[in-house]
Amino acid sequence: MRSSWFHLFADCLLLGVFLLLCSLPVVTAYPALVAGCTVLREQAHGGPGVTPANLFTALRRVLRSGRAVVLVPVGVAALLWLDTIALDAHGPGLGAAFAVATAVLAALGLRCAAGWREGMPWRAVLVAVFRSLPDQPLVPVLLAGSAVAVTVLLTISPVLLIVVLGPLTLAATATDVWRPLPL
């Protein structure tokens, strides 16, 4: 029994390394996260597990799902960057509001990443995420907490970037298994 837990832990850390490598071209960061969630979901249902071949196959499927998977996260990141510049120009005091908005957007992005299934349009995933909010209010709170935890860990020790994407992907996938999106 202990070897299965250790195997899952090792797969999670290995997935973090693979996701970092797939995210080096910055525009593929979100599709890599979605592919990581897909690989973990398939492994939970008896699939082959975390290997580079499985991750790259899943990444190809995600990238074929449409331009929205690349353009929307890049647009959101650009909007957050512009907000940061505007807040710096406005003066101190709005950092907490910006942090909350970033955590909410991170939770939304993680929920969409874990809820996507092959062949599903991204608009349907986003609609399902928003429709699930009243019935499942704890899921975005947990995902925002995991995003904040990752941010704190990276602030304390930036070298954790090598593996931290794996546990973040596991958190998103686990919440989707716990409370699946009503599709």
Protein backbone atom coordinates (compact mmCIF):
# COMPACT_ATOMS: atom_id res chain seq x y z
CA MET A 1 0.00 0.00 0.00
CA ARG A 2 2.80 2.42 0.81
CA SER A 3 4.45 1.88 -2.55
CA SER A 4 1.29 3.08 -4.31
CA TRP A 5 1.32 6.34 -2.32
CA PHE A 6 5.01 6.81 -2.99
CA HIS A 7 4.44 6.02 -6.67
CA LEU A 8 1.74 8.72 -6.84
CA PHE A 9 4.02 11.21 -5.09
CA ALA A 10 6.90 10.42 -7.45
CA ASP A 11 4.61 10.72 -10.48
CA CYS A 12 3.38 14.07 -9.18
CA LEU A 13 6.92 15.43 -8.84
CA LEU A 14 7.95 13.99 -12.20
CA LEU A 15 4.90 15.59 -13.79
CA GLY A 16 6.02 18.93 -12.31
CA VAL A 17 9.36 18.62 -14.09
CA PHE A 18 7.68 17.64 -17.38
CA LEU A 19 5.22 20.54 -17.09
CA LEU A 20 8.04 22.99 -16.49
CA LEU A 21 9.79 21.76 -19.62
CA CYS A 22 6.58 22.00 -21.65
CA SER A 23 6.00 25.51 -20.29
CA LEU A 24 9.35 26.94 -21.33
CA PRO A 25 7.74 28.56 -24.37
CA VAL A 26 5.51 30.66 -22.13
CA VAL A 27 2.41 30.46 -24.34
CA THR A 28 2.24 26.67 -23.80
CA ALA A 29 2.11 26.93 -19.99
CA TYR A 30 -1.67 26.65 -19.70
CA PRO A 31 -2.06 23.92 -22.35
CA ALA A 32 0.68 21.99 -20.51
CA LEU A 33 -1.30 22.32 -17.26
CA VAL A 34 -4.44 21.04 -19.00
CA ALA A 35 -2.46 18.14 -20.47
CA GLY A 36 -1.07 17.34 -17.01
CA CYS A 37 -4.60 17.22 -15.59
CA THR A 38 -5.61 14.92 -18.45
CA VAL A 39 -2.70 12.56 -17.80
CA LEU A 40 -3.45 12.41 -14.06
CA ARG A 41 -7.17 11.81 -14.71
CA GLU A 42 -6.35 9.00 -17.14
CA GLN A 43 -3.93 7.49 -14.61
CA ALA A 44 -6.61 7.59 -11.91
CA HIS A 45 -8.93 5.62 -14.20
CA GLY A 46 -6.34 2.92 -14.90
CA GLY A 47 -4.42 4.69 -17.63
CA PRO A 48 -0.73 4.30 -18.37
CA GLY A 49 0.55 6.99 -16.00
CA VAL A 50 2.98 9.87 -16.19
CA THR A 51 5.46 9.46 -19.00
CA PRO A 52 6.83 12.01 -21.45
CA ALA A 53 5.06 10.25 -24.33
CA ASN A 54 1.68 10.39 -22.57
CA LEU A 55 2.12 14.03 -21.63
CA PHE A 56 3.15 15.09 -25.14
CA THR A 57 0.24 13.13 -26.63
CA ALA A 58 -2.15 14.87 -24.24
CA LEU A 59 -0.51 18.23 -25.00
CA ARG A 60 -1.06 17.70 -28.73
CA ARG A 61 -4.74 16.91 -28.09
CA VAL A 62 -5.11 20.03 -25.96
CA LEU A 63 -3.42 22.27 -28.52
CA ARG A 64 -5.72 20.89 -31.24
CA SER A 65 -8.78 21.81 -29.16
CA GLY A 66 -8.71 25.40 -30.39
CA ARG A 67 -6.90 28.68 -30.21
CA ALA A 68 -8.70 29.72 -27.03
CA VAL A 69 -6.52 27.43 -24.91
CA VAL A 70 -3.48 29.52 -25.86
CA LEU A 71 -4.92 32.99 -26.50
CA VAL A 72 -7.19 33.43 -23.48
CA PRO A 73 -4.57 32.62 -20.78
CA VAL A 74 -2.02 34.85 -22.52
CA GLY A 75 -4.64 37.62 -22.65
CA VAL A 76 -5.44 37.19 -18.96
CA ALA A 77 -1.73 37.31 -18.09
CA ALA A 78 -1.34 40.48 -20.16
CA LEU A 79 -4.35 42.01 -18.40
CA LEU A 80 -2.87 41.16 -14.99
CA TRP A 81 0.43 42.70 -16.06
CA LEU A 82 -1.35 45.91 -17.14
CA ASP A 83 -3.27 45.93 -13.84
CA THR A 84 0.03 45.68 -11.98
CA ILE A 85 1.39 48.67 -13.87
CA ALA A 86 -1.79 50.65 -13.22
CA LEU A 87 -1.72 49.83 -9.52
CA ASP A 88 1.92 50.85 -9.26
CA ALA A 89 1.09 54.18 -10.92
CA HIS A 90 -1.90 54.72 -8.66
CA GLY A 91 0.05 54.19 -5.47
CA PRO A 92 0.07 51.74 -2.59
CA GLY A 93 -3.00 50.26 -0.98
CA LEU A 94 -4.61 48.22 -3.75
CA GLY A 95 -2.30 45.21 -3.50
CA ALA A 96 -4.81 43.13 -1.52
CA ALA A 97 -7.53 43.62 -4.13
CA PHE A 98 -5.10 42.64 -6.88
CA ALA A 99 -4.04 39.53 -4.94
CA VAL A 100 -7.65 38.44 -4.47
CA ALA A 101 -8.43 39.01 -8.15
CA THR A 102 -5.37 37.00 -9.15
CA ALA A 103 -6.34 34.14 -6.82
CA VAL A 104 -9.87 34.09 -8.25
CA LEU A 105 -8.55 34.00 -11.82
CA ALA A 106 -6.10 31.25 -10.88
CA ALA A 107 -8.91 29.19 -9.33
CA LEU A 108 -11.04 29.67 -12.44
CA GLY A 109 -8.16 28.66 -14.70
CA LEU A 110 -7.37 25.56 -12.61
CA ARG A 111 -11.03 24.51 -12.57
CA CYS A 112 -11.25 24.88 -16.36
CA ALA A 113 -7.98 22.97 -16.82
CA ALA A 114 -9.18 20.04 -14.74
CA GLY A 115 -12.69 20.04 -16.19
CA TRP A 116 -11.75 19.98 -19.87
CA ARG A 117 -12.39 16.75 -21.75
CA GLU A 118 -11.27 15.95 -25.27
CA GLY A 119 -13.80 17.07 -27.84
CA MET A 120 -15.36 19.66 -25.53
CA PRO A 121 -15.38 23.28 -26.65
CA TRP A 122 -13.73 25.64 -24.18
CA ARG A 123 -16.81 27.83 -24.04
CA ALA A 124 -18.82 24.85 -22.70
CA VAL A 125 -16.17 24.23 -20.05
CA LEU A 126 -16.27 27.86 -18.94
CA VAL A 127 -20.08 27.85 -18.79
CA ALA A 128 -20.01 24.63 -16.74
CA VAL A 129 -17.49 26.16 -14.33
CA PHE A 130 -19.66 29.23 -13.75
CA ARG A 131 -22.81 27.14 -13.38
CA SER A 132 -21.12 24.94 -10.79
CA LEU A 133 -20.17 27.86 -8.53
CA PRO A 134 -23.44 28.09 -6.55
CA ASP A 135 -23.61 24.32 -6.00
CA GLN A 136 -19.90 23.80 -5.31
CA PRO A 137 -18.60 26.94 -3.60
CA LEU A 138 -15.79 25.14 -1.79
CA VAL A 139 -14.01 24.03 -4.99
CA PRO A 140 -12.85 27.51 -6.09
CA VAL A 141 -11.84 28.30 -2.52
CA LEU A 142 -9.66 25.17 -2.39
CA LEU A 143 -8.15 25.90 -5.79
CA ALA A 144 -7.45 29.53 -4.88
CA GLY A 145 -5.82 28.28 -1.67
CA SER A 146 -3.63 25.90 -3.62
CA ALA A 147 -2.60 28.71 -5.99
CA VAL A 148 -1.76 30.93 -3.02
CA ALA A 149 0.22 28.09 -1.42
CA VAL A 150 2.22 27.64 -4.62
CA THR A 151 2.90 31.37 -4.75
CA VAL A 152 4.09 31.40 -1.13
CA LEU A 153 6.30 28.36 -1.72
CA LEU A 154 7.85 29.95 -4.78
CA THR A 155 8.41 33.20 -2.88
CA ILE A 156 10.22 31.33 -0.12
CA SER A 157 12.20 29.04 -2.40
CA PRO A 158 12.16 29.74 -6.16
CA VAL A 159 13.97 26.47 -6.86
CA LEU A 160 10.66 24.69 -6.14
CA LEU A 161 9.48 25.84 -9.56
CA ILE A 162 11.06 22.64 -10.83
CA VAL A 163 8.42 20.45 -9.15
CA VAL A 164 5.59 22.64 -7.84
CA LEU A 165 3.46 22.45 -11.00
CA GLY A 166 2.89 18.73 -10.41
CA PRO A 167 1.19 19.13 -7.00
CA LEU A 168 -0.81 22.08 -8.36
CA THR A 169 -2.05 19.89 -11.21
CA LEU A 170 -2.84 17.12 -8.75
CA ALA A 171 -4.87 19.56 -6.64
CA ALA A 172 -6.89 20.69 -9.65
CA THR A 173 -7.49 17.11 -10.80
CA ALA A 174 -8.42 15.95 -7.30
CA THR A 175 -11.04 18.67 -6.90
CA ASP A 176 -12.52 17.72 -10.26
CA VAL A 177 -12.71 14.08 -9.23
CA TRP A 178 -14.21 15.10 -5.87
CA ARG A 179 -16.75 17.49 -7.38
CA PRO A 180 -16.95 16.95 -11.16
CA LEU A 181 -18.26 19.66 -13.43
CA PRO A 182 -21.89 19.20 -14.48
CA LEU A 183 -21.33 18.81 -18.20
